[in-house]
């Protein structure tokens, strides 16, 4: 059983929802990433989404675009990111890690080499924003044969037939983009999320995580009532940016935010 599946099954047995924070690897420095990953777990994270820096993160808003710029300024590569996961795994063999990013760095490495190296490093799943299921047919075997979960995005505008394709191709969980637009958007309508998740669950049987527009414990708790996991990115990345020169302070502030969300979810 994959770490991701095990995590969701354990949480379901406990009557809890998954808290899934996102950080960009290498932001603001390479050496800050692994300690931040451990801090996220200590604060209550169940799964970590680790962003692979890319020069043109088209689905992301200014917050994560700038995080990618900071990471790339220190030449953070896909090889570096895999090394960070391997370092994390030296002391944490339980928390699932999902790499989130764009196709170009993976294509440059080669799909087979990437899949093999990712699993060897301790990666559990991948979410490539610009690799929809219709275009993943030729590469899916590289991932599935190594038990690497392929996680896909579902948006409010996704048609039912495309949800069927995602349900067939995806594993681990699906990422429901709760808002039209880019990451960092603000206005979140929980009732609208609930209506869309009711439709999604008619097609998708694996867990559904909700992201975009979640920035505090109150919103996280409200959304968690209708989904299986809450995904938080820009709010965390903003705290890292505000403490770019002080890694310890960044961990303190991020831990406080994540812990407040964990407390709200469990309440």
Protein backbone atom coordinates (compact mmCIF):
# COMPACT_ATOMS: atom_id res chain seq x y z
CA UNK A 1 0.00 0.00 0.00
CA UNK A 2 1.35 3.43 -0.92
CA UNK A 3 2.12 5.97 1.77
CA UNK A 4 -0.56 8.27 0.36
CA UNK A 5 -3.28 5.62 0.50
CA UNK A 6 -2.15 4.58 3.96
CA UNK A 7 -2.26 8.17 5.19
CA UNK A 8 -5.83 8.72 4.00
CA UNK A 9 -7.02 5.37 5.36
CA UNK A 10 -5.45 6.08 8.75
CA UNK A 11 -7.02 9.53 8.92
CA UNK A 12 -10.42 8.18 7.89
CA UNK A 13 -10.21 5.62 10.69
CA UNK A 14 -9.49 8.45 13.12
CA UNK A 15 -12.31 10.61 11.78
CA UNK A 16 -9.79 13.24 10.59
CA UNK A 17 -9.05 15.09 7.37
CA UNK A 18 -5.64 15.42 5.71
CA UNK A 19 -3.68 18.63 6.01
CA UNK A 20 -1.49 19.03 2.92
CA UNK A 21 0.87 22.03 2.94
CA UNK A 22 2.84 23.13 -0.10
CA UNK A 23 6.30 24.67 -0.18
CA UNK A 24 8.64 25.39 -3.09
CA UNK A 25 11.86 23.40 -2.87
CA UNK A 26 14.92 25.63 -2.56
CA UNK A 27 12.96 28.67 -1.35
CA UNK A 28 14.56 30.84 -0.11
CA UNK A 29 17.71 28.66 0.06
CA UNK A 30 18.34 25.00 -0.68
CA UNK A 31 19.41 24.20 2.86
CA UNK A 32 16.14 25.56 4.30
CA UNK A 33 13.88 23.03 2.60
CA UNK A 34 14.44 19.80 4.53
CA UNK A 35 14.22 21.46 7.97
CA UNK A 36 11.00 23.14 6.82
CA UNK A 37 9.60 19.77 5.71
CA UNK A 38 10.24 18.35 9.17
CA UNK A 39 8.71 21.45 10.76
CA UNK A 40 5.56 20.95 8.68
CA UNK A 41 5.22 17.37 9.91
CA UNK A 42 5.82 18.39 13.52
CA UNK A 43 3.09 21.03 13.17
CA UNK A 44 0.54 18.52 11.93
CA UNK A 45 1.00 17.99 8.18
CA UNK A 46 -0.14 14.62 6.86
CA UNK A 47 1.20 14.91 3.30
CA UNK A 48 3.72 17.38 1.88
CA UNK A 49 3.48 18.85 -1.60
CA UNK A 50 6.97 19.90 -2.64
CA UNK A 51 7.12 22.30 -5.56
CA UNK A 52 9.77 21.80 -8.23
CA UNK A 53 10.99 25.29 -9.23
CA UNK A 54 10.24 26.25 -12.80
CA UNK A 55 10.83 29.46 -14.74
CA UNK A 56 7.30 29.69 -16.13
CA UNK A 57 4.81 28.44 -13.49
CA UNK A 58 1.75 29.41 -15.50
CA UNK A 59 -0.89 28.10 -13.09
CA UNK A 60 0.58 29.94 -10.13
CA UNK A 61 0.03 33.46 -8.89
CA UNK A 62 2.71 35.99 -7.89
CA UNK A 63 3.44 34.38 -4.51
CA UNK A 64 4.59 31.04 -5.89
CA UNK A 65 6.09 32.61 -9.01
CA UNK A 66 8.38 34.61 -6.75
CA UNK A 67 9.18 31.52 -4.70
CA UNK A 68 10.29 29.78 -7.90
CA UNK A 69 12.43 32.79 -8.77
CA UNK A 70 14.12 32.71 -5.35
CA UNK A 71 14.78 28.98 -5.67
CA UNK A 72 16.10 29.26 -9.21
CA UNK A 73 18.38 32.12 -8.17
CA UNK A 74 20.21 29.46 -6.16
CA UNK A 75 20.15 27.05 -9.13
CA UNK A 76 17.76 24.60 -7.50
CA UNK A 77 17.36 21.74 -9.97
CA UNK A 78 15.14 18.68 -10.15
CA UNK A 79 18.16 16.62 -9.05
CA UNK A 80 18.46 18.88 -6.00
CA UNK A 81 14.78 18.40 -5.18
CA UNK A 82 15.11 14.62 -5.32
CA UNK A 83 18.13 14.92 -3.06
CA UNK A 84 16.07 16.90 -0.56
CA UNK A 85 13.46 14.16 -0.45
CA UNK A 86 16.16 11.55 0.07
CA UNK A 87 17.58 13.60 2.95
CA UNK A 88 14.09 13.94 4.47
CA UNK A 89 13.61 10.18 4.24
CA UNK A 90 16.66 9.53 6.41
CA UNK A 91 14.55 10.39 9.46
CA UNK A 92 10.98 10.27 8.16
CA UNK A 93 9.80 7.18 6.33
CA UNK A 94 6.09 7.75 6.96
CA UNK A 95 4.93 11.14 5.64
CA UNK A 96 3.99 11.03 1.93
CA UNK A 97 5.76 13.50 -0.36
CA UNK A 98 4.22 14.64 -3.63
CA UNK A 99 6.26 16.54 -6.19
CA UNK A 100 4.24 19.30 -7.80
CA UNK A 101 5.40 21.21 -10.81
CA UNK A 102 5.63 21.37 -14.58
CA UNK A 103 6.61 18.96 -17.28
CA UNK A 104 9.73 20.59 -18.71
CA UNK A 105 12.24 19.56 -15.97
CA UNK A 106 10.91 15.99 -16.05
CA UNK A 107 11.13 15.80 -19.83
CA UNK A 108 14.70 17.04 -19.71
CA UNK A 109 15.64 14.33 -17.20
CA UNK A 110 13.67 11.68 -19.07
CA UNK A 111 10.45 10.09 -17.84
CA UNK A 112 11.92 6.70 -17.00
CA UNK A 113 14.96 8.13 -15.24
CA UNK A 114 12.78 10.55 -13.32
CA UNK A 115 10.32 7.88 -12.20
CA UNK A 116 13.11 5.56 -11.08
CA UNK A 117 15.00 8.33 -9.28
CA UNK A 118 11.86 9.72 -7.68
CA UNK A 119 10.91 6.40 -6.13
CA UNK A 120 14.50 5.75 -5.04
CA UNK A 121 14.51 9.15 -3.31
CA UNK A 122 11.26 8.44 -1.48
CA UNK A 123 8.74 10.38 -3.58
CA UNK A 124 5.21 8.97 -3.42
CA UNK A 125 3.33 10.91 -6.08
CA UNK A 126 3.65 13.50 -8.80
CA UNK A 127 1.35 16.29 -9.93
CA UNK A 128 2.44 17.77 -13.22
CA UNK A 129 0.21 20.76 -13.91
CA UNK A 130 0.67 20.62 -17.67
CA UNK A 131 0.39 16.83 -18.06
CA UNK A 132 -3.34 16.09 -18.40
CA UNK A 133 -4.46 12.44 -18.48
CA UNK A 134 -5.13 12.61 -22.22
CA UNK A 135 -1.44 13.31 -22.83
CA UNK A 136 -0.05 11.02 -20.14
CA UNK A 137 -0.82 7.73 -21.88
CA UNK A 138 2.72 7.24 -23.17
CA UNK A 139 4.36 7.97 -19.83
CA UNK A 140 1.86 6.56 -17.33
CA UNK A 141 3.47 3.12 -17.38
CA UNK A 142 6.76 4.56 -16.17
CA UNK A 143 4.98 5.88 -13.08
CA UNK A 144 2.44 3.14 -12.43
CA UNK A 145 4.97 0.32 -12.78
CA UNK A 146 6.94 1.92 -9.95
CA UNK A 147 3.86 2.55 -7.77
CA UNK A 148 4.25 6.29 -8.15
CA UNK A 149 0.85 7.93 -7.75
CA UNK A 150 -0.26 10.25 -10.55
CA UNK A 151 -2.32 13.10 -9.12
CA UNK A 152 -4.48 15.24 -11.37
CA UNK A 153 -6.23 18.58 -11.10
CA UNK A 154 -9.97 18.99 -11.32
CA UNK A 155 -11.39 22.50 -11.76
CA UNK A 156 -14.91 23.92 -11.37
CA UNK A 157 -15.16 23.88 -15.17
CA UNK A 158 -14.09 20.24 -15.63
CA UNK A 159 -16.65 18.26 -17.62
CA UNK A 160 -18.02 14.93 -16.43
CA UNK A 161 -16.36 12.94 -19.21
CA UNK A 162 -12.97 14.38 -18.29
CA UNK A 163 -13.54 13.48 -14.64
CA UNK A 164 -14.05 9.91 -15.82
CA UNK A 165 -10.67 10.01 -17.56
CA UNK A 166 -9.03 11.40 -14.42
CA UNK A 167 -10.72 8.75 -12.28
CA UNK A 168 -9.28 6.05 -14.56
CA UNK A 169 -5.78 7.50 -14.80
CA UNK A 170 -5.24 9.01 -11.35
CA UNK A 171 -4.32 7.53 -7.99
CA UNK A 172 -3.53 8.75 -4.49
CA UNK A 173 -5.93 11.69 -4.53
CA UNK A 174 -7.24 14.34 -6.87
CA UNK A 175 -6.56 18.03 -6.35
CA UNK A 176 -9.72 20.08 -6.68
CA UNK A 177 -8.90 23.65 -7.69
CA UNK A 178 -11.68 25.43 -5.82
CA UNK A 179 -11.43 28.71 -7.73
CA UNK A 180 -11.06 29.84 -11.31
CA UNK A 181 -7.70 31.57 -11.64
CA UNK A 182 -4.20 31.07 -10.30
CA UNK A 183 -2.85 30.07 -6.90
CA UNK A 184 -3.14 32.71 -4.23
CA UNK A 185 -6.72 33.66 -5.12
CA UNK A 186 -8.75 34.89 -2.19
CA UNK A 187 -12.51 34.50 -2.50
CA UNK A 188 -13.56 30.96 -1.52
CA UNK A 189 -17.22 29.91 -1.54
CA UNK A 190 -17.52 26.77 0.59
CA UNK A 191 -21.08 26.11 -0.57
CA UNK A 192 -19.89 26.17 -4.16
CA UNK A 193 -17.07 23.77 -3.26
CA UNK A 194 -19.60 21.41 -1.66
CA UNK A 195 -21.79 21.41 -4.77
CA UNK A 196 -18.87 20.68 -7.05
CA UNK A 197 -17.49 17.94 -4.82
CA UNK A 198 -20.87 16.22 -4.87
CA UNK A 199 -20.56 16.08 -8.65
CA UNK A 200 -16.91 15.00 -8.53
CA UNK A 201 -17.66 12.10 -6.19
CA UNK A 202 -20.08 10.64 -8.72
CA UNK A 203 -17.05 9.94 -10.89
CA UNK A 204 -14.02 9.80 -8.59
CA UNK A 205 -13.64 7.23 -5.82
CA UNK A 206 -10.20 8.23 -4.49
CA UNK A 207 -9.82 11.02 -1.90
CA UNK A 208 -10.36 14.63 -2.94
CA UNK A 209 -8.10 17.39 -1.64
CA UNK A 210 -9.18 21.02 -2.00
CA UNK A 211 -6.75 23.86 -2.63
CA UNK A 212 -6.72 27.56 -3.64
CA UNK A 213 -8.08 30.25 -1.34
CA UNK A 214 -7.35 28.50 1.99
CA UNK A 215 -5.27 30.71 4.25
CA UNK A 216 -6.40 30.21 7.85
CA UNK A 217 -7.83 27.69 10.28
CA UNK A 218 -11.40 28.89 9.92
CA UNK A 219 -11.48 28.41 6.15
CA UNK A 220 -9.59 25.13 6.39
CA UNK A 221 -12.12 23.76 8.89
CA UNK A 222 -15.09 24.86 6.80
CA UNK A 223 -13.73 23.27 3.63
CA UNK A 224 -12.70 20.07 5.43
CA UNK A 225 -16.35 19.27 6.15
CA UNK A 226 -16.92 18.50 2.47
CA UNK A 227 -13.57 17.01 1.35
CA UNK A 228 -10.88 14.54 2.37
CA UNK A 229 -7.94 16.92 2.55
CA UNK A 230 -7.11 20.61 2.71
CA UNK A 231 -4.21 21.92 0.60
CA UNK A 232 -2.48 25.12 1.67
CA UNK A 233 0.19 26.81 -0.43
CA UNK A 234 0.37 30.57 -0.88
CA UNK A 235 -0.31 31.41 2.77
CA UNK A 236 2.72 29.34 3.77
CA UNK A 237 4.94 30.59 0.96
CA UNK A 238 4.11 34.18 1.95
CA UNK A 239 5.43 33.52 5.46
CA UNK A 240 8.61 32.02 4.04
CA UNK A 241 9.06 35.10 1.84
CA UNK A 242 8.55 37.42 4.80
CA UNK A 243 11.37 35.62 6.64
CA UNK A 244 13.65 35.02 3.67
CA UNK A 245 16.73 36.03 5.64
CA UNK A 246 15.86 34.05 8.79
CA UNK A 247 15.11 30.37 8.25
CA UNK A 248 14.40 29.72 11.93
CA UNK A 249 11.83 32.52 12.05
CA UNK A 250 10.23 31.19 8.87
CA UNK A 251 9.87 27.75 10.44
CA UNK A 252 8.36 29.27 13.57
CA UNK A 253 5.77 31.29 11.67
CA UNK A 254 4.90 28.48 9.26
CA UNK A 255 4.61 26.00 12.11
CA UNK A 256 2.23 28.31 13.95
CA UNK A 257 -0.01 28.62 10.88
CA UNK A 258 -0.01 24.90 10.11
CA UNK A 259 -0.63 24.01 13.74
CA UNK A 260 -3.57 26.41 13.89
CA UNK A 261 -5.04 24.70 10.85
CA UNK A 262 -4.45 21.26 12.32
CA UNK A 263 -6.22 22.33 15.49
CA UNK A 264 -9.13 23.75 13.54
CA UNK A 265 -9.46 20.63 11.40
CA UNK A 266 -9.44 18.32 14.41
CA UNK A 267 -11.94 20.45 16.31
